[in-house]
């Protein structure tokens, strides 16, 4: 499960929207808690992006792709969470 969360963070940093969505769904199916996916996957990836941004190591087009990946991951997380209800 930790590997999946690390993959989510890594894929998010690379702006890979489809992969982030797939990994979030996979983590939920593995029984991972939504809060953990958010904290250790999505937010961890954004934390790393923030550090790169502060050092001016990330360009605007990358930020747009990363934002799309974050949105995709959040949508997948919301969909999977609603299925539990």
PDB file of N, CA and C in Angstrom:
ATOM      1  N   UNK A   1       0.826  -1.196   0.000  1.00  0.00           N
ATOM      2  CA  UNK A   1       0.000   0.000   0.000  1.00  0.00           C
ATOM      3  C   UNK A   1       0.872   1.263   0.000  1.00  0.00           C
ATOM      4  N   UNK A   2       1.963   1.231   0.773  1.00  0.00           N
ATOM      5  CA  UNK A   2       2.863   2.387   0.801  1.00  0.00           C
ATOM      6  C   UNK A   2       3.446   2.657  -0.591  1.00  0.00           C
ATOM      7  N   UNK A   3       3.736   1.588  -1.334  1.00  0.00           N
ATOM      8  CA  UNK A   3       4.250   1.760  -2.691  1.00  0.00           C
ATOM      9  C   UNK A   3       3.245   2.469  -3.571  1.00  0.00           C
ATOM     10  N   UNK A   4       1.979   2.108  -3.431  1.00  0.00           N
ATOM     11  CA  UNK A   4       0.932   2.733  -4.230  1.00  0.00           C
ATOM     12  C   UNK A   4       0.824   4.215  -3.899  1.00  0.00           C
ATOM     13  N   UNK A   5       0.901   4.550  -2.627  1.00  0.00           N
ATOM     14  CA  UNK A   5       0.824   5.953  -2.218  1.00  0.00           C
ATOM     15  C   UNK A   5       2.021   6.739  -2.742  1.00  0.00           C
ATOM     16  N   UNK A   6       3.191   6.133  -2.698  1.00  0.00           N
ATOM     17  CA  UNK A   6       4.386   6.787  -3.239  1.00  0.00           C
ATOM     18  C   UNK A   6       4.262   6.960  -4.753  1.00  0.00           C
ATOM     19  N   UNK A   7       3.668   5.980  -5.425  1.00  0.00           N
ATOM     20  CA  UNK A   7       3.451   6.090  -6.874  1.00  0.00           C
ATOM     21  C   UNK A   7       2.473   7.203  -7.200  1.00  0.00           C
ATOM     22  N   UNK A   8       1.448   7.364  -6.358  1.00  0.00           N
ATOM     23  CA  UNK A   8       0.488   8.451  -6.563  1.00  0.00           C
ATOM     24  C   UNK A   8       1.224   9.790  -6.490  1.00  0.00           C
ATOM     25  N   UNK A   9       2.032   9.965  -5.450  1.00  0.00           N
ATOM     26  CA  UNK A   9       2.775  11.222  -5.282  1.00  0.00           C
ATOM     27  C   UNK A   9       3.708  11.460  -6.468  1.00  0.00           C
ATOM     28  N   UNK A  10       4.420  10.416  -6.889  1.00  0.00           N
ATOM     29  CA  UNK A  10       5.364  10.534  -7.995  1.00  0.00           C
ATOM     30  C   UNK A  10       4.651  10.863  -9.307  1.00  0.00           C
ATOM     31  N   UNK A  11       3.557  10.172  -9.580  1.00  0.00           N
ATOM     32  CA  UNK A  11       2.801  10.406 -10.818  1.00  0.00           C
ATOM     33  C   UNK A  11       2.191  11.798 -10.825  1.00  0.00           C
ATOM     34  N   UNK A  12       1.758  12.249  -9.658  1.00  0.00           N
ATOM     35  CA  UNK A  12       1.209  13.604  -9.546  1.00  0.00           C
ATOM     36  C   UNK A  12       2.291  14.627  -9.882  1.00  0.00           C
ATOM     37  N   UNK A  13       3.476  14.442  -9.330  1.00  0.00           N
ATOM     38  CA  UNK A  13       4.588  15.365  -9.603  1.00  0.00           C
ATOM     39  C   UNK A  13       4.928  15.426 -11.084  1.00  0.00           C
ATOM     40  N   UNK A  14       4.697  14.325 -11.792  1.00  0.00           N
ATOM     41  CA  UNK A  14       4.980  14.264 -13.221  1.00  0.00           C
ATOM     42  C   UNK A  14       3.790  14.707 -14.068  1.00  0.00           C
ATOM     43  N   UNK A  15       2.657  15.017 -13.420  1.00  0.00           N
ATOM     44  CA  UNK A  15       1.482  15.506 -14.135  1.00  0.00           C
ATOM     45  C   UNK A  15       0.756  14.433 -14.927  1.00  0.00           C
ATOM     46  N   UNK A  16       0.824  13.194 -14.485  1.00  0.00           N
ATOM     47  CA  UNK A  16       0.196  12.072 -15.197  1.00  0.00           C
ATOM     48  C   UNK A  16      -1.198  11.824 -14.635  1.00  0.00           C
ATOM     49  N   UNK A  17      -2.168  12.516 -15.194  1.00  0.00           N
ATOM     50  CA  UNK A  17      -3.537  12.501 -14.687  1.00  0.00           C
ATOM     51  C   UNK A  17      -4.154  11.102 -14.689  1.00  0.00           C
ATOM     52  N   UNK A  18      -4.115  10.406 -15.812  1.00  0.00           N
ATOM     53  CA  UNK A  18      -4.746   9.090 -15.898  1.00  0.00           C
ATOM     54  C   UNK A  18      -4.119   8.117 -14.916  1.00  0.00           C
ATOM     55  N   UNK A  19      -2.805   8.153 -14.799  1.00  0.00           N
ATOM     56  CA  UNK A  19      -2.124   7.247 -13.882  1.00  0.00           C
ATOM     57  C   UNK A  19      -2.494   7.560 -12.432  1.00  0.00           C
ATOM     58  N   UNK A  20      -2.589   8.844 -12.095  1.00  0.00           N
ATOM     59  CA  UNK A  20      -2.992   9.232 -10.741  1.00  0.00           C
ATOM     60  C   UNK A  20      -4.386   8.702 -10.445  1.00  0.00           C
ATOM     61  N   UNK A  21      -5.312   8.882 -11.383  1.00  0.00           N
ATOM     62  CA  UNK A  21      -6.683   8.381 -11.200  1.00  0.00           C
ATOM     63  C   UNK A  21      -6.678   6.874 -10.976  1.00  0.00           C
ATOM     64  N   UNK A  22      -5.965   6.160 -11.832  1.00  0.00           N
ATOM     65  CA  UNK A  22      -5.908   4.699 -11.728  1.00  0.00           C
ATOM     66  C   UNK A  22      -5.309   4.254 -10.399  1.00  0.00           C
ATOM     67  N   UNK A  23      -4.259   4.910  -9.975  1.00  0.00           N
ATOM     68  CA  UNK A  23      -3.614   4.548  -8.717  1.00  0.00           C
ATOM     69  C   UNK A  23      -4.492   4.846  -7.510  1.00  0.00           C
ATOM     70  N   UNK A  24      -5.233   5.952  -7.560  1.00  0.00           N
ATOM     71  CA  UNK A  24      -6.158   6.276  -6.466  1.00  0.00           C
ATOM     72  C   UNK A  24      -7.238   5.197  -6.382  1.00  0.00           C
ATOM     73  N   UNK A  25      -7.781   4.816  -7.530  1.00  0.00           N
ATOM     74  CA  UNK A  25      -8.798   3.754  -7.541  1.00  0.00           C
ATOM     75  C   UNK A  25      -8.219   2.438  -7.008  1.00  0.00           C
ATOM     76  N   UNK A  26      -6.999   2.126  -7.424  1.00  0.00           N
ATOM     77  CA  UNK A  26      -6.356   0.901  -6.975  1.00  0.00           C
ATOM     78  C   UNK A  26      -6.139   0.923  -5.456  1.00  0.00           C
ATOM     79  N   UNK A  27      -5.687   2.044  -4.938  1.00  0.00           N
ATOM     80  CA  UNK A  27      -5.459   2.161  -3.493  1.00  0.00           C
ATOM     81  C   UNK A  27      -6.763   1.969  -2.723  1.00  0.00           C
ATOM     82  N   UNK A  28      -7.844   2.563  -3.222  1.00  0.00           N
ATOM     83  CA  UNK A  28      -9.149   2.409  -2.559  1.00  0.00           C
ATOM     84  C   UNK A  28      -9.589   0.945  -2.595  1.00  0.00           C
ATOM     85  N   UNK A  29      -9.391   0.282  -3.733  1.00  0.00           N
ATOM     86  CA  UNK A  29      -9.771  -1.127  -3.839  1.00  0.00           C
ATOM     87  C   UNK A  29      -8.929  -2.013  -2.932  1.00  0.00           C
ATOM     88  N   UNK A  30      -7.694  -1.587  -2.661  1.00  0.00           N
ATOM     89  CA  UNK A  30      -6.813  -2.319  -1.745  1.00  0.00           C
ATOM     90  C   UNK A  30      -7.219  -2.101  -0.295  1.00  0.00           C
ATOM     91  N   UNK A  31      -8.180  -1.198  -0.084  1.00  0.00           N
ATOM     92  CA  UNK A  31      -8.662  -0.941   1.266  1.00  0.00           C
ATOM     93  C   UNK A  31      -8.012   0.231   1.960  1.00  0.00           C
ATOM     94  N   UNK A  32      -7.295   1.035   1.217  1.00  0.00           N
ATOM     95  CA  UNK A  32      -6.628   2.202   1.788  1.00  0.00           C
ATOM     96  C   UNK A  32      -7.658   3.281   2.134  1.00  0.00           C
ATOM     97  N   UNK A  33      -7.499   3.878   3.274  1.00  0.00           N
ATOM     98  CA  UNK A  33      -8.385   4.939   3.744  1.00  0.00           C
ATOM     99  C   UNK A  33      -8.241   6.186   2.875  1.00  0.00           C
ATOM    100  N   UNK A  34      -9.355   6.852   2.609  1.00  0.00           N
ATOM    101  CA  UNK A  34      -9.351   8.059   1.776  1.00  0.00           C
ATOM    102  C   UNK A  34      -8.428   9.140   2.322  1.00  0.00           C
ATOM    103  N   UNK A  35      -8.432   9.306   3.642  1.00  0.00           N
ATOM    104  CA  UNK A  35      -7.578  10.313   4.263  1.00  0.00           C
ATOM    105  C   UNK A  35      -6.103  10.026   4.049  1.00  0.00           C
ATOM    106  N   UNK A  36      -5.757   8.749   4.084  1.00  0.00           N
ATOM    107  CA  UNK A  36      -4.372   8.350   3.866  1.00  0.00           C
ATOM    108  C   UNK A  36      -3.962   8.583   2.410  1.00  0.00           C
ATOM    109  N   UNK A  37      -4.860   8.283   1.482  1.00  0.00           N
ATOM    110  CA  UNK A  37      -4.585   8.538   0.062  1.00  0.00           C
ATOM    111  C   UNK A  37      -4.365  10.028  -0.154  1.00  0.00           C
ATOM    112  N   UNK A  38      -5.210  10.817   0.458  1.00  0.00           N
ATOM    113  CA  UNK A  38      -5.091  12.266   0.324  1.00  0.00           C
ATOM    114  C   UNK A  38      -3.775  12.761   0.928  1.00  0.00           C
ATOM    115  N   UNK A  39      -3.494  12.332   2.161  1.00  0.00           N
ATOM    116  CA  UNK A  39      -2.315  12.826   2.876  1.00  0.00           C
ATOM    117  C   UNK A  39      -0.996  12.301   2.306  1.00  0.00           C
ATOM    118  N   UNK A  40      -0.887  10.991   2.166  1.00  0.00           N
ATOM    119  CA  UNK A  40       0.389  10.364   1.786  1.00  0.00           C
ATOM    120  C   UNK A  40       0.588  10.263   0.274  1.00  0.00           C
ATOM    121  N   UNK A  41      -0.478  10.480  -0.485  1.00  0.00           N
ATOM    122  CA  UNK A  41      -0.379  10.415  -1.932  1.00  0.00           C
ATOM    123  C   UNK A  41      -0.467  11.777  -2.584  1.00  0.00           C
ATOM    124  N   UNK A  42      -1.674  12.319  -2.607  1.00  0.00           N
ATOM    125  CA  UNK A  42      -1.926  13.569  -3.329  1.00  0.00           C
ATOM    126  C   UNK A  42      -1.230  14.774  -2.691  1.00  0.00           C
ATOM    127  N   UNK A  43      -1.397  14.934  -1.388  1.00  0.00           N
ATOM    128  CA  UNK A  43      -0.797  16.111  -0.743  1.00  0.00           C
ATOM    129  C   UNK A  43       0.721  16.006  -0.656  1.00  0.00           C
ATOM    130  N   UNK A  44       1.235  14.771  -0.499  1.00  0.00           N
ATOM    131  CA  UNK A  44       2.686  14.584  -0.486  1.00  0.00           C
ATOM    132  C   UNK A  44       3.275  14.999  -1.839  1.00  0.00           C
ATOM    133  N   UNK A  45       2.607  14.607  -2.916  1.00  0.00           N
ATOM    134  CA  UNK A  45       3.058  15.006  -4.249  1.00  0.00           C
ATOM    135  C   UNK A  45       3.038  16.514  -4.415  1.00  0.00           C
ATOM    136  N   UNK A  46       1.989  17.148  -3.933  1.00  0.00           N
ATOM    137  CA  UNK A  46       1.895  18.604  -4.043  1.00  0.00           C
ATOM    138  C   UNK A  46       2.936  19.299  -3.170  1.00  0.00           C
ATOM    139  N   UNK A  47       3.249  18.710  -2.032  1.00  0.00           N
ATOM    140  CA  UNK A  47       4.297  19.272  -1.175  1.00  0.00           C
ATOM    141  C   UNK A  47       5.637  19.283  -1.914  1.00  0.00           C
ATOM    142  N   UNK A  48       5.926  18.186  -2.591  1.00  0.00           N
ATOM    143  CA  UNK A  48       7.166  18.102  -3.363  1.00  0.00           C
ATOM    144  C   UNK A  48       7.173  19.097  -4.521  1.00  0.00           C
ATOM    145  N   UNK A  49       6.034  19.270  -5.172  1.00  0.00           N
ATOM    146  CA  UNK A  49       5.915  20.251  -6.255  1.00  0.00           C
ATOM    147  C   UNK A  49       6.141  21.656  -5.704  1.00  0.00           C
ATOM    148  N   UNK A  50       5.576  21.936  -4.539  1.00  0.00           N
ATOM    149  CA  UNK A  50       5.740  23.243  -3.910  1.00  0.00           C
ATOM    150  C   UNK A  50       7.206  23.562  -3.640  1.00  0.00           C
ATOM    151  N   UNK A  51       7.958  22.562  -3.191  1.00  0.00           N
ATOM    152  CA  UNK A  51       9.384  22.760  -2.941  1.00  0.00           C
ATOM    153  C   UNK A  51      10.122  23.066  -4.239  1.00  0.00           C
ATOM    154  N   UNK A  52       9.785  22.334  -5.300  1.00  0.00           N
ATOM    155  CA  UNK A  52      10.411  22.585  -6.595  1.00  0.00           C
ATOM    156  C   UNK A  52      10.038  23.970  -7.120  1.00  0.00           C
ATOM    157  N   UNK A  53       8.789  24.374  -6.897  1.00  0.00           N
ATOM    158  CA  UNK A  53       8.315  25.677  -7.357  1.00  0.00           C
ATOM    159  C   UNK A  53       9.078  26.794  -6.648  1.00  0.00           C
ATOM    160  N   UNK A  54       9.304  26.641  -5.349  1.00  0.00           N
ATOM    161  CA  UNK A  54      10.043  27.654  -4.594  1.00  0.00           C
ATOM    162  C   UNK A  54      11.463  27.814  -5.118  1.00  0.00           C
ATOM    163  N   UNK A  55      12.034  26.726  -5.598  1.00  0.00           N
ATOM    164  CA  UNK A  55      13.392  26.769  -6.144  1.00  0.00           C
ATOM    165  C   UNK A  55      13.394  27.102  -7.633  1.00  0.00           C
ATOM    166  N   UNK A  56      12.212  27.453  -8.153  1.00  0.00           N
ATOM    167  CA  UNK A  56      12.027  27.793  -9.566  1.00  0.00           C
ATOM    168  C   UNK A  56      12.488  26.668 -10.482  1.00  0.00           C
ATOM    169  N   UNK A  57      12.158  25.431 -10.079  1.00  0.00           N
ATOM    170  CA  UNK A  57      12.532  24.248 -10.855  1.00  0.00           C
ATOM    171  C   UNK A  57      11.349  23.649 -11.604  1.00  0.00           C
ATOM    172  N   UNK A  58      10.258  24.388 -11.674  1.00  0.00           N
ATOM    173  CA  UNK A  58       9.061  23.898 -12.354  1.00  0.00           C
ATOM    174  C   UNK A  58       8.471  25.044 -13.182  1.00  0.00           C
ATOM    175  N   UNK A  59       8.037  24.711 -14.379  1.00  0.00           N
ATOM    176  CA  UNK A  59       7.499  25.717 -15.305  1.00  0.00           C
ATOM    177  C   UNK A  59       5.964  25.723 -15.246  1.00  0.00           C
ATOM    178  N   UNK A  60       5.378  26.780 -15.748  1.00  0.00           N
ATOM    179  CA  UNK A  60       3.917  26.933 -15.740  1.00  0.00           C
ATOM    180  C   UNK A  60       3.207  25.783 -16.466  1.00  0.00           C
ATOM    181  N   UNK A  61       3.651  25.344 -17.640  1.00  0.00           N
ATOM    182  CA  UNK A  61       2.960  24.211 -18.284  1.00  0.00           C
ATOM    183  C   UNK A  61       2.959  22.946 -17.407  1.00  0.00           C
ATOM    184  N   UNK A  62       4.046  22.738 -16.671  1.00  0.00           N
ATOM    185  CA  UNK A  62       4.095  21.599 -15.755  1.00  0.00           C
ATOM    186  C   UNK A  62       3.084  21.772 -14.631  1.00  0.00           C
ATOM    187  N   UNK A  63       2.972  22.986 -14.128  1.00  0.00           N
ATOM    188  CA  UNK A  63       2.010  23.268 -13.053  1.00  0.00           C
ATOM    189  C   UNK A  63       0.593  22.964 -13.527  1.00  0.00           C
ATOM    190  N   UNK A  64       0.284  23.326 -14.769  1.00  0.00           N
ATOM    191  CA  UNK A  64      -1.052  23.042 -15.311  1.00  0.00           C
ATOM    192  C   UNK A  64      -1.310  21.540 -15.383  1.00  0.00           C
ATOM    193  N   UNK A  65      -0.330  20.773 -15.840  1.00  0.00           N
ATOM    194  CA  UNK A  65      -0.477  19.316 -15.919  1.00  0.00           C
ATOM    195  C   UNK A  65      -0.610  18.719 -14.520  1.00  0.00           C
ATOM    196  N   UNK A  66       0.162  19.229 -13.586  1.00  0.00           N
ATOM    197  CA  UNK A  66       0.106  18.746 -12.203  1.00  0.00           C
ATOM    198  C   UNK A  66      -1.254  19.050 -11.588  1.00  0.00           C
ATOM    199  N   UNK A  67      -1.777  20.233 -11.880  1.00  0.00           N
ATOM    200  CA  UNK A  67      -3.097  20.610 -11.372  1.00  0.00           C
ATOM    201  C   UNK A  67      -4.177  19.694 -11.934  1.00  0.00           C
ATOM    202  N   UNK A  68      -4.082  19.376 -13.236  1.00  0.00           N
ATOM    203  CA  UNK A  68      -5.037  18.430 -13.839  1.00  0.00           C
ATOM    204  C   UNK A  68      -4.940  17.061 -13.159  1.00  0.00           C
ATOM    205  N   UNK A  69      -3.725  16.628 -12.886  1.00  0.00           N
ATOM    206  CA  UNK A  69      -3.524  15.331 -12.230  1.00  0.00           C
ATOM    207  C   UNK A  69      -4.109  15.346 -10.815  1.00  0.00           C
ATOM    208  N   UNK A  70      -3.914  16.442 -10.092  1.00  0.00           N
ATOM    209  CA  UNK A  70      -4.487  16.568  -8.749  1.00  0.00           C
ATOM    210  C   UNK A  70      -6.007  16.525  -8.816  1.00  0.00           C
ATOM    211  N   UNK A  71      -6.584  17.286  -9.733  1.00  0.00           N
ATOM    212  CA  UNK A  71      -8.034  17.289  -9.890  1.00  0.00           C
ATOM    213  C   UNK A  71      -8.553  15.898 -10.248  1.00  0.00           C
ATOM    214  N   UNK A  72      -7.857  15.217 -11.147  1.00  0.00           N
ATOM    215  CA  UNK A  72      -8.259  13.862 -11.522  1.00  0.00           C
ATOM    216  C   UNK A  72      -8.207  12.909 -10.342  1.00  0.00           C
ATOM    217  N   UNK A  73      -7.155  13.016  -9.546  1.00  0.00           N
ATOM    218  CA  UNK A  73      -7.037  12.172  -8.359  1.00  0.00           C
ATOM    219  C   UNK A  73      -8.129  12.465  -7.345  1.00  0.00           C
ATOM    220  N   UNK A  74      -8.447  13.725  -7.161  1.00  0.00           N
ATOM    221  CA  UNK A  74      -9.518  14.103  -6.224  1.00  0.00           C
ATOM    222  C   UNK A  74     -10.876  13.604  -6.712  1.00  0.00           C
ATOM    223  N   UNK A  75     -11.112  13.703  -8.029  1.00  0.00           N
ATOM    224  CA  UNK A  75     -12.367  13.191  -8.596  1.00  0.00           C
ATOM    225  C   UNK A  75     -12.481  11.686  -8.379  1.00  0.00           C
ATOM    226  N   UNK A  76     -11.405  10.949  -8.653  1.00  0.00           N
ATOM    227  CA  UNK A  76     -11.412   9.501  -8.466  1.00  0.00           C
ATOM    228  C   UNK A  76     -11.643   9.146  -7.004  1.00  0.00           C
ATOM    229  N   UNK A  77     -11.015   9.887  -6.118  1.00  0.00           N
ATOM    230  CA  UNK A  77     -11.182   9.649  -4.681  1.00  0.00           C
ATOM    231  C   UNK A  77     -12.629   9.903  -4.258  1.00  0.00           C
ATOM    232  N   UNK A  78     -13.218  10.978  -4.762  1.00  0.00           N
ATOM    233  CA  UNK A  78     -14.611  11.288  -4.442  1.00  0.00           C
ATOM    234  C   UNK A  78     -15.556  10.223  -4.988  1.00  0.00           C
ATOM    235  N   UNK A  79     -15.310   9.782  -6.216  1.00  0.00           N
ATOM    236  CA  UNK A  79     -16.155   8.728  -6.824  1.00  0.00           C
ATOM    237  C   UNK A  79     -16.087   7.447  -5.998  1.00  0.00           C
ATOM    238  N   UNK A  80     -14.884   7.040  -5.644  1.00  0.00           N
ATOM    239  CA  UNK A  80     -14.700   5.795  -4.892  1.00  0.00           C
ATOM    240  C   UNK A  80     -15.298   5.919  -3.492  1.00  0.00           C
ATOM    241  N   UNK A  81     -15.206   7.095  -2.888  1.00  0.00           N
ATOM    242  CA  UNK A  81     -15.749   7.299  -1.566  1.00  0.00           C
ATOM    243  C   UNK A  81     -17.274   7.266  -1.586  1.00  0.00           C
ATOM    244  N   UNK A  82     -17.868   7.786  -2.655  1.00  0.00           N
ATOM    245  CA  UNK A  82     -19.330   7.764  -2.760  1.00  0.00           C
ATOM    246  C   UNK A  82     -19.860   6.355  -2.983  1.00  0.00           C
ATOM    247  N   UNK A  83     -19.071   5.519  -3.621  1.00  0.00           N
ATOM    248  CA  UNK A  83     -19.474   4.135  -3.833  1.00  0.00           C
ATOM    249  C   UNK A  83     -19.574   3.382  -2.516  1.00  0.00           C
ATOM    250  N   UNK A  84     -18.812   3.829  -1.510  1.00  0.00           N
ATOM    251  CA  UNK A  84     -18.835   3.185  -0.191  1.00  0.00           C
ATOM    252  C   UNK A  84     -20.136   3.473   0.556  1.00  0.00           C
ATOM    253  N   UNK A  85     -20.773   4.581   0.225  1.00  0.00           N
ATOM    254  CA  UNK A  85     -21.969   5.016   0.957  1.00  0.00           C
ATOM    255  C   UNK A  85     -23.159   4.144   0.624  1.00  0.00           C
TER     256      UNK A  85
END
